[in-house]
Amino acid sequence: MLHLFHGEDELSRSEAVAQLRGQMDPALGDLNVVTLPGRGLDLSALRAACDPPPFLGDWRLVVVQDLLPASGGRTSRREEAAPAESLPPGLEEYLPQLPGTTRLVLSIPRSLPDRHPLLRLAREVGADVRHFPLPAGPELGEWIVRRARGKGVDIDPRAVDLLASYIGNDLRLLDQELEKLAAYVAERGAISRADVETLVASVREASIFEMVDALGGRDRRRAVVLLRRLLQEGKAPLYILTMIVRQFRLLLEARELEAEGVPPGEMAREMGVQPWLAGKILKQAHNFRPSDLEAILAQLLDIDVGIKTGQLQGPVALELFVLRWAGR
C-alpha cells in the first residue's frame, strides 16, 4: 500500500510515520523497516527495498524521506506549484506493481497542488493521501491548545497568544516548549502566561521585539531607550540588526501585499504571522513610504557589511540608524 504524506508540517508527517511503525510487531525491531533519502531517489534502490517479502512479519515498511518531485516551472508566491511538475523517473510505472506486503511512505516536505501528477497517481492506486500544511492564524492557536491538552494540561489563551507570537509555526519547537511547560505545571494542570514568560527562552527575548516595534511605530525615544538597554544586556549588535531587518522586510511586504489587493486574512498567511500582528504591521507600514522602506533595507545592508568588516562600530551605527528613521 502507498502512503503519500505531503506538506510543510514536518512534525505531523513524522508522527504519521511513527504511527505506522507502531503497528508493526515490536519483537522484530527494525528488521522490516527501510528508510531511503528522497533526494535523487533511485528506482533500483526503491525496488530493492520494497520487493522482498517481510521477515516473519505481515508487512514491511519503506519510508522515502523528503522526496522532492522535479518541477518544470514556478508560480507567484500565492499560487500553487505548477502542474508541469513531474514524477521521479520510473515511479509512475512501479507504484501500481507495489507488493501487497509492503507499505511505502512517500514523505514530501511541501504541499502539492491538487493537479500534481503524483497526487493523481496516488489516487489511482488507492493510496492513503494526507496533507499536512503548517497551521497559521487562528489554526495555530487551536493547534497549541490541542497539543497542550494532549500532554495533560490546559493553557490560558494569553499564554497561547504569547507562544504563537514569539515562536510562530515552528511546531517542533512549540512541542518541545509545551512539553517543558507541561512538566513544570504538572500539579497545577494549566499553563499561564507567567509560566511562558518564565520558561520559554524566545519569550524572554521579548525586549528585542519591543524595540523593533517602537522603531516600526516611529517612536524614536522609546526605540533608543530599548536599543541601549539591549546593548547593555549584552545583546550582539548583529543579532539586533537581524531583527530590525526582519521587521522592515515585513513592513515592505505588507505595503506590497496591500497594493496587490490582498485581503487582511490572506495577508497574515502570506507573511507567516498571526492576523492581529499582520494588522499591526500594516498600520506601522503606513508610517513609511515604499521608497523609504527600500532605502532603509539598503542602509541596513550597508550597516551589516560595515560591522562585519570592522568599518563601523555596531552600537554607534545602530543608534544613528534609529535616530534617523524612528522620528516622524
C-alpha atoms as a PDB file:
ATOM      1  CA  MET A   1       0.000   0.000   0.000  1.00  0.00           C
ATOM      2  CA  LEU A   2       1.155   3.523  -0.766  1.00  0.00           C
ATOM      3  CA  HIS A   3       1.012   6.305   1.822  1.00  0.00           C
ATOM      4  CA  LEU A   4       1.566   9.827   0.471  1.00  0.00           C
ATOM      5  CA  PHE A   5       2.230  12.403   3.210  1.00  0.00           C
ATOM      6  CA  HIS A   6       2.821  15.942   1.925  1.00  0.00           C
ATOM      7  CA  GLY A   7       3.038  19.391   3.482  1.00  0.00           C
ATOM      8  CA  GLU A   8       5.345  21.716   5.365  1.00  0.00           C
ATOM      9  CA  ASP A   9       4.356  20.343   8.791  1.00  0.00           C
ATOM     10  CA  GLU A  10       7.352  18.047   9.281  1.00  0.00           C
ATOM     11  CA  LEU A  11       6.342  17.162  12.841  1.00  0.00           C
ATOM     12  CA  SER A  12       2.960  15.738  11.861  1.00  0.00           C
ATOM     13  CA  ARG A  13       4.418  13.878   8.894  1.00  0.00           C
ATOM     14  CA  SER A  14       6.986  12.269  11.188  1.00  0.00           C
ATOM     15  CA  GLU A  15       4.311  11.339  13.711  1.00  0.00           C
ATOM     16  CA  ALA A  16       2.209   9.748  10.968  1.00  0.00           C
ATOM     17  CA  VAL A  17       5.196   7.580  10.021  1.00  0.00           C
ATOM     18  CA  ALA A  18       5.744   6.721  13.702  1.00  0.00           C
ATOM     19  CA  GLN A  19       2.117   5.579  13.946  1.00  0.00           C
ATOM     20  CA  LEU A  20       2.697   3.142  11.098  1.00  0.00           C
ATOM     21  CA  ARG A  21       5.831   1.818  12.792  1.00  0.00           C
ATOM     22  CA  GLY A  22       3.849   1.393  15.982  1.00  0.00           C
ATOM     23  CA  GLN A  23       1.516  -1.050  14.202  1.00  0.00           C
ATOM     24  CA  MET A  24       4.408  -3.425  13.476  1.00  0.00           C
ATOM     25  CA  ASP A  25       5.474  -6.363  15.617  1.00  0.00           C
ATOM     26  CA  PRO A  26       7.886  -4.848  18.187  1.00  0.00           C
ATOM     27  CA  ALA A  27       9.666  -8.163  18.590  1.00  0.00           C
ATOM     28  CA  LEU A  28      11.058  -7.841  15.071  1.00  0.00           C
ATOM     29  CA  GLY A  29      12.541  -4.422  15.748  1.00  0.00           C
ATOM     30  CA  ASP A  30      13.657  -2.670  12.563  1.00  0.00           C
ATOM     31  CA  LEU A  31      14.093  -5.858  10.508  1.00  0.00           C
ATOM     32  CA  ASN A  32      11.141  -4.880   8.317  1.00  0.00           C
ATOM     33  CA  VAL A  33      11.789  -1.126   8.198  1.00  0.00           C
ATOM     34  CA  VAL A  34      13.836   0.616   5.495  1.00  0.00           C
ATOM     35  CA  THR A  35      14.412   4.382   5.209  1.00  0.00           C
ATOM     36  CA  LEU A  36      15.591   5.906   1.940  1.00  0.00           C
ATOM     37  CA  PRO A  37      16.612   9.512   1.179  1.00  0.00           C
ATOM     38  CA  GLY A  38      14.236  11.279  -1.173  1.00  0.00           C
ATOM     39  CA  ARG A  39      16.884  13.424  -2.826  1.00  0.00           C
ATOM     40  CA  GLY A  40      17.885  11.741  -6.056  1.00  0.00           C
ATOM     41  CA  LEU A  41      15.605   8.769  -5.396  1.00  0.00           C
ATOM     42  CA  ASP A  42      16.897   5.777  -7.343  1.00  0.00           C
ATOM     43  CA  LEU A  43      14.235   3.377  -8.620  1.00  0.00           C
ATOM     44  CA  SER A  44      16.508   0.346  -8.318  1.00  0.00           C
ATOM     45  CA  ALA A  45      17.125   1.141  -4.639  1.00  0.00           C
ATOM     46  CA  LEU A  46      13.387   1.639  -4.111  1.00  0.00           C
ATOM     47  CA  ARG A  47      12.580  -1.731  -5.691  1.00  0.00           C
ATOM     48  CA  ALA A  48      15.302  -3.440  -3.668  1.00  0.00           C
ATOM     49  CA  ALA A  49      13.663  -2.087  -0.508  1.00  0.00           C
ATOM     50  CA  CYS A  50      10.026  -2.758  -1.476  1.00  0.00           C
ATOM     51  CA  ASP A  51      10.060  -6.030  -3.423  1.00  0.00           C
ATOM     52  CA  PRO A  52      11.417  -8.554  -0.847  1.00  0.00           C
ATOM     53  CA  PRO A  53       8.831 -10.293   1.348  1.00  0.00           C
ATOM     54  CA  PRO A  54       8.687  -9.271   5.014  1.00  0.00           C
ATOM     55  CA  PHE A  55      10.854 -11.145   7.505  1.00  0.00           C
ATOM     56  CA  LEU A  56       8.456 -13.216   9.648  1.00  0.00           C
ATOM     57  CA  GLY A  57       6.008 -10.305   9.976  1.00  0.00           C
ATOM     58  CA  ASP A  58       2.935  -9.496   7.873  1.00  0.00           C
ATOM     59  CA  TRP A  59       4.365  -6.465   6.082  1.00  0.00           C
ATOM     60  CA  ARG A  60       7.431  -4.289   5.681  1.00  0.00           C
ATOM     61  CA  LEU A  61       7.626  -0.505   5.908  1.00  0.00           C
ATOM     62  CA  VAL A  62       9.659   1.549   3.435  1.00  0.00           C
ATOM     63  CA  VAL A  63       9.911   5.291   4.097  1.00  0.00           C
ATOM     64  CA  VAL A  64      11.222   7.733   1.487  1.00  0.00           C
ATOM     65  CA  GLN A  65      12.171  10.848   3.436  1.00  0.00           C
ATOM     66  CA  ASP A  66      11.908  14.364   1.959  1.00  0.00           C
ATOM     67  CA  LEU A  67      11.059  13.376  -1.584  1.00  0.00           C
ATOM     68  CA  LEU A  68      11.099  16.439  -3.834  1.00  0.00           C
ATOM     69  CA  PRO A  69       9.336  15.793  -7.146  1.00  0.00           C
ATOM     70  CA  ALA A  70      11.007  17.561 -10.050  1.00  0.00           C
ATOM     71  CA  SER A  71       9.429  20.858 -11.053  1.00  0.00           C
ATOM     72  CA  GLY A  72       9.109  22.256 -14.511  1.00  0.00           C
ATOM     73  CA  GLY A  73       8.081  25.746 -13.534  1.00  0.00           C
ATOM     74  CA  ARG A  74       7.422  28.323 -10.825  1.00  0.00           C
ATOM     75  CA  THR A  75       4.423  30.393  -9.828  1.00  0.00           C
ATOM     76  CA  SER A  76       3.745  33.532  -7.878  1.00  0.00           C
ATOM     77  CA  ARG A  77       4.010  33.263  -4.108  1.00  0.00           C
ATOM     78  CA  ARG A  78       0.248  32.881  -3.630  1.00  0.00           C
ATOM     79  CA  GLU A  79      -0.258  30.242  -6.320  1.00  0.00           C
ATOM     80  CA  GLU A  80       0.091  26.523  -6.035  1.00  0.00           C
ATOM     81  CA  ALA A  81       3.030  24.792  -7.662  1.00  0.00           C
ATOM     82  CA  ALA A  82       2.824  24.405 -11.421  1.00  0.00           C
ATOM     83  CA  PRO A  83       1.023  21.349 -12.822  1.00  0.00           C
ATOM     84  CA  ALA A  84       4.025  20.846 -15.090  1.00  0.00           C
ATOM     85  CA  GLU A  85       5.838  19.187 -12.202  1.00  0.00           C
ATOM     86  CA  SER A  86       6.919  15.626 -12.988  1.00  0.00           C
ATOM     87  CA  LEU A  87       7.451  12.367 -11.128  1.00  0.00           C
ATOM     88  CA  PRO A  88      10.791  10.776 -10.292  1.00  0.00           C
ATOM     89  CA  PRO A  89      11.840   8.590 -13.254  1.00  0.00           C
ATOM     90  CA  GLY A  90      10.167   5.182 -13.277  1.00  0.00           C
ATOM     91  CA  LEU A  91       7.938   5.811 -10.268  1.00  0.00           C
ATOM     92  CA  GLU A  92       4.711   6.004 -12.247  1.00  0.00           C
ATOM     93  CA  GLU A  93       5.318   2.567 -13.751  1.00  0.00           C
ATOM     94  CA  TYR A  94       6.397   0.991 -10.473  1.00  0.00           C
ATOM     95  CA  LEU A  95       3.756   2.113  -7.962  1.00  0.00           C
ATOM     96  CA  PRO A  96       0.903   0.018  -9.452  1.00  0.00           C
ATOM     97  CA  GLN A  97       3.230  -3.014  -9.049  1.00  0.00           C
ATOM     98  CA  LEU A  98       3.943  -2.351  -5.377  1.00  0.00           C
ATOM     99  CA  PRO A  99       3.731  -5.661  -3.441  1.00  0.00           C
ATOM    100  CA  GLY A 100       0.729  -6.000  -1.155  1.00  0.00           C
ATOM    101  CA  THR A 101       3.071  -6.864   1.737  1.00  0.00           C
ATOM    102  CA  THR A 102       4.847  -3.504   1.530  1.00  0.00           C
ATOM    103  CA  ARG A 103       3.721  -0.175   2.911  1.00  0.00           C
ATOM    104  CA  LEU A 104       5.586   2.553   1.067  1.00  0.00           C
ATOM    105  CA  VAL A 105       5.563   6.040   2.555  1.00  0.00           C
ATOM    106  CA  LEU A 106       6.485   8.968   0.316  1.00  0.00           C
ATOM    107  CA  SER A 107       7.082  11.899   2.678  1.00  0.00           C
ATOM    108  CA  ILE A 108       7.174  15.223   0.809  1.00  0.00           C
ATOM    109  CA  PRO A 109       8.246  18.399   2.670  1.00  0.00           C
ATOM    110  CA  ARG A 110       5.886  20.755   0.862  1.00  0.00           C
ATOM    111  CA  SER A 111       2.247  20.916  -0.147  1.00  0.00           C
ATOM    112  CA  LEU A 112       1.446  19.506  -3.571  1.00  0.00           C
ATOM    113  CA  PRO A 113      -1.220  21.186  -5.712  1.00  0.00           C
ATOM    114  CA  ASP A 114      -4.329  19.133  -6.463  1.00  0.00           C
ATOM    115  CA  ARG A 115      -3.297  18.691 -10.093  1.00  0.00           C
ATOM    116  CA  HIS A 116       0.154  17.360  -9.299  1.00  0.00           C
ATOM    117  CA  PRO A 117       0.726  14.064 -11.166  1.00  0.00           C
ATOM    118  CA  LEU A 118       1.949  12.328  -8.016  1.00  0.00           C
ATOM    119  CA  LEU A 119      -1.357  13.039  -6.276  1.00  0.00           C
ATOM    120  CA  ARG A 120      -3.233  11.845  -9.337  1.00  0.00           C
ATOM    121  CA  LEU A 121      -1.230   8.624  -9.424  1.00  0.00           C
ATOM    122  CA  ALA A 122      -1.664   8.091  -5.692  1.00  0.00           C
ATOM    123  CA  ARG A 123      -5.431   8.324  -6.028  1.00  0.00           C
ATOM    124  CA  GLU A 124      -5.395   5.909  -8.957  1.00  0.00           C
ATOM    125  CA  VAL A 125      -3.646   3.230  -6.874  1.00  0.00           C
ATOM    126  CA  GLY A 126      -5.884   3.789  -3.829  1.00  0.00           C
ATOM    127  CA  ALA A 127      -3.191   5.372  -1.672  1.00  0.00           C
ATOM    128  CA  ASP A 128      -3.565   6.830   1.803  1.00  0.00           C
ATOM    129  CA  VAL A 129      -3.071  10.530   0.987  1.00  0.00           C
ATOM    130  CA  ARG A 130      -2.678  13.009   3.842  1.00  0.00           C
ATOM    131  CA  HIS A 131      -1.950  16.724   3.661  1.00  0.00           C
ATOM    132  CA  PHE A 132      -0.009  18.346   6.499  1.00  0.00           C
ATOM    133  CA  PRO A 133       0.142  22.140   5.978  1.00  0.00           C
ATOM    134  CA  LEU A 134       1.579  24.376   8.659  1.00  0.00           C
ATOM    135  CA  PRO A 135      -1.149  25.975  10.765  1.00  0.00           C
ATOM    136  CA  ALA A 136      -1.410  29.748  10.620  1.00  0.00           C
ATOM    137  CA  GLY A 137      -3.592  32.395  12.196  1.00  0.00           C
ATOM    138  CA  PRO A 138      -6.339  31.005  14.463  1.00  0.00           C
ATOM    139  CA  GLU A 139      -5.405  27.457  13.406  1.00  0.00           C
ATOM    140  CA  LEU A 140      -2.025  27.828  15.112  1.00  0.00           C
ATOM    141  CA  GLY A 141      -3.664  28.809  18.392  1.00  0.00           C
ATOM    142  CA  GLU A 142      -6.007  25.834  18.137  1.00  0.00           C
ATOM    143  CA  TRP A 143      -3.024  23.562  17.472  1.00  0.00           C
ATOM    144  CA  ILE A 144      -1.272  24.829  20.612  1.00  0.00           C
ATOM    145  CA  VAL A 145      -4.379  24.206  22.731  1.00  0.00           C
ATOM    146  CA  ARG A 146      -4.823  20.675  21.354  1.00  0.00           C
ATOM    147  CA  ARG A 147      -1.149  19.885  21.842  1.00  0.00           C
ATOM    148  CA  ALA A 148      -1.186  21.099  25.432  1.00  0.00           C
ATOM    149  CA  ARG A 149      -4.282  19.036  26.215  1.00  0.00           C
ATOM    150  CA  GLY A 150      -2.616  16.044  24.628  1.00  0.00           C
ATOM    151  CA  LYS A 151       0.101  16.466  27.267  1.00  0.00           C
ATOM    152  CA  GLY A 152      -2.485  16.517  30.022  1.00  0.00           C
ATOM    153  CA  VAL A 153      -2.682  20.253  30.734  1.00  0.00           C
ATOM    154  CA  ASP A 154      -4.812  23.245  29.826  1.00  0.00           C
ATOM    155  CA  ILE A 155      -3.361  26.522  28.605  1.00  0.00           C
ATOM    156  CA  ASP A 156      -4.505  30.095  29.154  1.00  0.00           C
ATOM    157  CA  PRO A 157      -5.440  31.974  25.928  1.00  0.00           C
ATOM    158  CA  ARG A 158      -2.903  34.678  26.804  1.00  0.00           C
ATOM    159  CA  ALA A 159      -0.200  32.027  27.028  1.00  0.00           C
ATOM    160  CA  VAL A 160      -1.316  30.696  23.634  1.00  0.00           C
ATOM    161  CA  ASP A 161      -1.009  34.156  22.088  1.00  0.00           C
ATOM    162  CA  LEU A 162       2.438  34.625  23.577  1.00  0.00           C
ATOM    163  CA  LEU A 163       3.748  31.318  22.255  1.00  0.00           C
ATOM    164  CA  ALA A 164       2.232  31.910  18.821  1.00  0.00           C
ATOM    165  CA  SER A 165       3.654  35.416  18.613  1.00  0.00           C
ATOM    166  CA  TYR A 166       7.229  34.623  19.573  1.00  0.00           C
ATOM    167  CA  ILE A 167       7.690  31.077  18.276  1.00  0.00           C
ATOM    168  CA  GLY A 168       5.309  31.104  15.307  1.00  0.00           C
ATOM    169  CA  ASN A 169       4.617  27.850  13.488  1.00  0.00           C
ATOM    170  CA  ASP A 170       7.893  26.124  14.298  1.00  0.00           C
ATOM    171  CA  LEU A 171       5.882  23.142  15.520  1.00  0.00           C
ATOM    172  CA  ARG A 172       8.806  21.084  16.788  1.00  0.00           C
ATOM    173  CA  LEU A 173       9.994  23.955  18.945  1.00  0.00           C
ATOM    174  CA  LEU A 174       6.447  24.636  20.136  1.00  0.00           C
ATOM    175  CA  ASP A 175       6.051  20.983  21.055  1.00  0.00           C
ATOM    176  CA  GLN A 176       9.325  20.977  22.993  1.00  0.00           C
ATOM    177  CA  GLU A 177       8.342  24.114  24.899  1.00  0.00           C
ATOM    178  CA  LEU A 178       4.885  22.713  25.663  1.00  0.00           C
ATOM    179  CA  GLU A 179       6.482  19.504  26.937  1.00  0.00           C
ATOM    180  CA  LYS A 180       8.665  21.539  29.260  1.00  0.00           C
ATOM    181  CA  LEU A 181       5.761  23.716  30.388  1.00  0.00           C
ATOM    182  CA  ALA A 182       3.509  20.694  30.984  1.00  0.00           C
ATOM    183  CA  ALA A 183       6.123  19.135  33.253  1.00  0.00           C
ATOM    184  CA  TYR A 184       6.581  22.446  35.082  1.00  0.00           C
ATOM    185  CA  VAL A 185       2.852  22.912  35.838  1.00  0.00           C
ATOM    186  CA  ALA A 186       2.048  19.211  36.279  1.00  0.00           C
ATOM    187  CA  GLU A 187       0.254  19.500  39.627  1.00  0.00           C
ATOM    188  CA  ARG A 188      -1.420  22.788  38.756  1.00  0.00           C
ATOM    189  CA  GLY A 189      -2.659  21.432  35.426  1.00  0.00           C
ATOM    190  CA  ALA A 190      -2.749  24.695  33.491  1.00  0.00           C
ATOM    191  CA  ILE A 191      -0.112  26.803  31.699  1.00  0.00           C
ATOM    192  CA  SER A 192      -0.314  30.521  32.387  1.00  0.00           C
ATOM    193  CA  ARG A 193       1.190  33.482  30.586  1.00  0.00           C
ATOM    194  CA  ALA A 194       3.605  33.901  33.510  1.00  0.00           C
ATOM    195  CA  ASP A 195       4.799  30.318  33.034  1.00  0.00           C
ATOM    196  CA  VAL A 196       5.588  31.021  29.396  1.00  0.00           C
ATOM    197  CA  GLU A 197       7.409  34.230  30.286  1.00  0.00           C
ATOM    198  CA  THR A 198       9.462  32.349  32.874  1.00  0.00           C
ATOM    199  CA  LEU A 199      10.417  29.239  30.928  1.00  0.00           C
ATOM    200  CA  VAL A 200      10.399  29.967  27.195  1.00  0.00           C
ATOM    201  CA  ALA A 201      13.703  31.444  26.066  1.00  0.00           C
ATOM    202  CA  SER A 202      12.339  33.125  22.937  1.00  0.00           C
ATOM    203  CA  VAL A 203       9.718  34.953  25.011  1.00  0.00           C
ATOM    204  CA  ARG A 204      12.345  36.135  27.469  1.00  0.00           C
ATOM    205  CA  GLU A 205      13.902  37.845  24.442  1.00  0.00           C
ATOM    206  CA  ALA A 206      10.735  39.901  24.012  1.00  0.00           C
ATOM    207  CA  SER A 207      12.535  43.203  24.569  1.00  0.00           C
ATOM    208  CA  ILE A 208      14.102  42.927  21.122  1.00  0.00           C
ATOM    209  CA  PHE A 209      10.614  42.755  19.631  1.00  0.00           C
ATOM    210  CA  GLU A 210       9.537  45.715  21.728  1.00  0.00           C
ATOM    211  CA  MET A 211      12.446  47.700  20.324  1.00  0.00           C
ATOM    212  CA  VAL A 212      11.717  46.912  16.685  1.00  0.00           C
ATOM    213  CA  ASP A 213       8.036  47.522  17.386  1.00  0.00           C
ATOM    214  CA  ALA A 214       8.892  51.013  18.635  1.00  0.00           C
ATOM    215  CA  LEU A 215      11.081  51.513  15.591  1.00  0.00           C
ATOM    216  CA  GLY A 216       8.273  50.470  13.241  1.00  0.00           C
ATOM    217  CA  GLY A 217       5.909  52.768  15.097  1.00  0.00           C
ATOM    218  CA  ARG A 218       8.423  55.634  14.700  1.00  0.00           C
ATOM    219  CA  ASP A 219       8.592  56.113  18.454  1.00  0.00           C
ATOM    220  CA  ARG A 220      12.152  57.453  18.492  1.00  0.00           C
ATOM    221  CA  ARG A 221      12.554  57.983  22.225  1.00  0.00           C
ATOM    222  CA  ARG A 222      11.301  54.535  23.186  1.00  0.00           C
ATOM    223  CA  ALA A 223      13.273  52.851  20.410  1.00  0.00           C
ATOM    224  CA  VAL A 224      16.535  54.472  21.537  1.00  0.00           C
ATOM    225  CA  VAL A 225      15.913  53.602  25.208  1.00  0.00           C
ATOM    226  CA  LEU A 226      15.191  49.967  24.338  1.00  0.00           C
ATOM    227  CA  LEU A 227      18.147  49.742  21.986  1.00  0.00           C
ATOM    228  CA  ARG A 228      20.535  50.976  24.672  1.00  0.00           C
ATOM    229  CA  ARG A 229      19.020  48.553  27.186  1.00  0.00           C
ATOM    230  CA  LEU A 230      19.550  45.634  24.801  1.00  0.00           C
ATOM    231  CA  LEU A 231      23.175  46.610  24.259  1.00  0.00           C
ATOM    232  CA  GLN A 232      23.739  46.979  28.000  1.00  0.00           C
ATOM    233  CA  GLU A 233      22.303  43.485  28.483  1.00  0.00           C
ATOM    234  CA  GLY A 234      24.960  42.160  26.125  1.00  0.00           C
ATOM    235  CA  LYS A 235      22.873  41.563  23.017  1.00  0.00           C
ATOM    236  CA  ALA A 236      25.126  41.362  19.957  1.00  0.00           C
ATOM    237  CA  PRO A 237      24.709  44.272  17.508  1.00  0.00           C
ATOM    238  CA  LEU A 238      24.441  41.863  14.569  1.00  0.00           C
ATOM    239  CA  TYR A 239      21.616  39.986  16.306  1.00  0.00           C
ATOM    240  CA  ILE A 240      19.743  43.246  16.906  1.00  0.00           C
ATOM    241  CA  LEU A 241      20.385  44.225  13.290  1.00  0.00           C
ATOM    242  CA  THR A 242      18.910  40.929  12.075  1.00  0.00           C
ATOM    243  CA  MET A 243      15.691  41.573  13.974  1.00  0.00           C
ATOM    244  CA  ILE A 244      15.462  45.118  12.614  1.00  0.00           C
ATOM    245  CA  VAL A 245      15.923  43.825   9.067  1.00  0.00           C
ATOM    246  CA  ARG A 246      13.149  41.276   9.608  1.00  0.00           C
ATOM    247  CA  GLN A 247      10.782  43.990  10.840  1.00  0.00           C
ATOM    248  CA  PHE A 248      11.347  46.268   7.858  1.00  0.00           C
ATOM    249  CA  ARG A 249      11.057  43.400   5.400  1.00  0.00           C
ATOM    250  CA  LEU A 250       7.656  42.649   6.914  1.00  0.00           C
ATOM    251  CA  LEU A 251       6.673  46.317   6.618  1.00  0.00           C
ATOM    252  CA  LEU A 252       7.659  46.381   2.953  1.00  0.00           C
ATOM    253  CA  GLU A 253       5.885  43.093   2.288  1.00  0.00           C
ATOM    254  CA  ALA A 254       2.745  44.457   3.923  1.00  0.00           C
ATOM    255  CA  ARG A 255       2.778  47.509   1.645  1.00  0.00           C
ATOM    256  CA  GLU A 256       3.306  45.321  -1.415  1.00  0.00           C
ATOM    257  CA  LEU A 257       0.502  42.923  -0.484  1.00  0.00           C
ATOM    258  CA  GLU A 258      -1.831  45.810   0.218  1.00  0.00           C
ATOM    259  CA  ALA A 259      -1.025  47.315  -3.193  1.00  0.00           C
ATOM    260  CA  GLU A 260      -1.879  43.958  -4.784  1.00  0.00           C
ATOM    261  CA  GLY A 261      -5.283  43.997  -3.106  1.00  0.00           C
ATOM    262  CA  VAL A 262      -4.592  41.040  -0.830  1.00  0.00           C
ATOM    263  CA  PRO A 263      -7.266  40.877   1.925  1.00  0.00           C
ATOM    264  CA  PRO A 264      -6.085  41.096   5.567  1.00  0.00           C
ATOM    265  CA  GLY A 265      -6.776  37.446   6.382  1.00  0.00           C
ATOM    266  CA  GLU A 266      -4.730  36.202   3.452  1.00  0.00           C
ATOM    267  CA  MET A 267      -2.068  38.812   4.162  1.00  0.00           C
ATOM    268  CA  ALA A 268      -1.390  37.232   7.561  1.00  0.00           C
ATOM    269  CA  ARG A 269      -0.994  33.818   5.971  1.00  0.00           C
ATOM    270  CA  GLU A 270       1.311  35.204   3.273  1.00  0.00           C
ATOM    271  CA  MET A 271       3.531  36.873   5.847  1.00  0.00           C
ATOM    272  CA  GLY A 272       3.538  33.872   8.175  1.00  0.00           C
ATOM    273  CA  VAL A 273       2.301  35.851  11.190  1.00  0.00           C
ATOM    274  CA  GLN A 274      -0.794  35.964  13.379  1.00  0.00           C
ATOM    275  CA  PRO A 275      -3.731  38.009  11.991  1.00  0.00           C
ATOM    276  CA  TRP A 276      -3.534  40.555  14.818  1.00  0.00           C
ATOM    277  CA  LEU A 277       0.176  41.010  14.149  1.00  0.00           C
ATOM    278  CA  ALA A 278      -0.407  41.438  10.408  1.00  0.00           C
ATOM    279  CA  GLY A 279      -2.815  44.275  11.149  1.00  0.00           C
ATOM    280  CA  LYS A 280      -0.282  45.914  13.431  1.00  0.00           C
ATOM    281  CA  ILE A 281       2.488  45.568  10.849  1.00  0.00           C
ATOM    282  CA  LEU A 282       0.298  47.074   8.135  1.00  0.00           C
ATOM    283  CA  LYS A 283      -0.536  50.028  10.381  1.00  0.00           C
ATOM    284  CA  GLN A 284       3.168  50.584  11.025  1.00  0.00           C
ATOM    285  CA  ALA A 285       3.926  50.218   7.316  1.00  0.00           C
ATOM    286  CA  HIS A 286       1.792  53.275   6.623  1.00  0.00           C
ATOM    287  CA  ASN A 287       4.343  55.294   8.606  1.00  0.00           C
ATOM    288  CA  PHE A 288       6.806  54.793   5.749  1.00  0.00           C
ATOM    289  CA  ARG A 289       6.683  55.312   2.007  1.00  0.00           C
ATOM    290  CA  PRO A 290       7.616  52.205  -0.005  1.00  0.00           C
ATOM    291  CA  SER A 291      10.654  54.076  -1.302  1.00  0.00           C
ATOM    292  CA  ASP A 292      11.688  54.788   2.309  1.00  0.00           C
ATOM    293  CA  LEU A 293      11.395  51.115   3.203  1.00  0.00           C
ATOM    294  CA  GLU A 294      13.578  50.156   0.254  1.00  0.00           C
ATOM    295  CA  ALA A 295      16.154  52.794   1.258  1.00  0.00           C
ATOM    296  CA  ILE A 296      16.073  51.542   4.862  1.00  0.00           C
ATOM    297  CA  LEU A 297      16.735  47.952   3.830  1.00  0.00           C
ATOM    298  CA  ALA A 298      19.610  49.110   1.609  1.00  0.00           C
ATOM    299  CA  GLN A 299      21.091  51.063   4.517  1.00  0.00           C
ATOM    300  CA  LEU A 300      20.710  48.080   6.832  1.00  0.00           C
ATOM    301  CA  LEU A 301      22.672  46.004   4.333  1.00  0.00           C
ATOM    302  CA  ASP A 302      25.432  48.614   4.378  1.00  0.00           C
ATOM    303  CA  ILE A 303      25.446  48.559   8.183  1.00  0.00           C
ATOM    304  CA  ASP A 304      25.691  44.780   8.162  1.00  0.00           C
ATOM    305  CA  VAL A 305      28.687  44.865   5.827  1.00  0.00           C
ATOM    306  CA  GLY A 306      30.266  47.717   7.786  1.00  0.00           C
ATOM    307  CA  ILE A 307      30.019  45.901  11.128  1.00  0.00           C
ATOM    308  CA  LYS A 308      31.312  42.619   9.718  1.00  0.00           C
ATOM    309  CA  THR A 309      34.288  44.293   8.024  1.00  0.00           C
ATOM    310  CA  GLY A 310      35.124  46.431  11.058  1.00  0.00           C
ATOM    311  CA  GLN A 311      34.401  49.710   9.271  1.00  0.00           C
ATOM    312  CA  LEU A 312      31.516  50.537  11.620  1.00  0.00           C
ATOM    313  CA  GLN A 313      31.057  50.197  15.360  1.00  0.00           C
ATOM    314  CA  GLY A 314      27.848  48.231  15.839  1.00  0.00           C
ATOM    315  CA  PRO A 315      26.295  50.158  18.754  1.00  0.00           C
ATOM    316  CA  VAL A 316      27.016  53.557  17.176  1.00  0.00           C
ATOM    317  CA  ALA A 317      25.738  52.522  13.741  1.00  0.00           C
ATOM    318  CA  LEU A 318      22.522  51.137  15.189  1.00  0.00           C
ATOM    319  CA  GLU A 319      21.781  54.186  17.294  1.00  0.00           C
ATOM    320  CA  LEU A 320      22.397  56.525  14.346  1.00  0.00           C
ATOM    321  CA  PHE A 321      20.059  54.419  12.256  1.00  0.00           C
ATOM    322  CA  VAL A 322      17.336  54.559  14.922  1.00  0.00           C
ATOM    323  CA  LEU A 323      17.722  58.307  15.348  1.00  0.00           C
ATOM    324  CA  ARG A 324      17.398  58.847  11.616  1.00  0.00           C
ATOM    325  CA  TRP A 325      14.444  56.612  10.830  1.00  0.00           C
ATOM    326  CA  ALA A 326      12.403  56.364  14.036  1.00  0.00           C
ATOM    327  CA  GLY A 327      11.498  60.031  14.084  1.00  0.00           C
ATOM    328  CA  ARG A 328       8.364  61.234  12.380  1.00  0.00           C
END
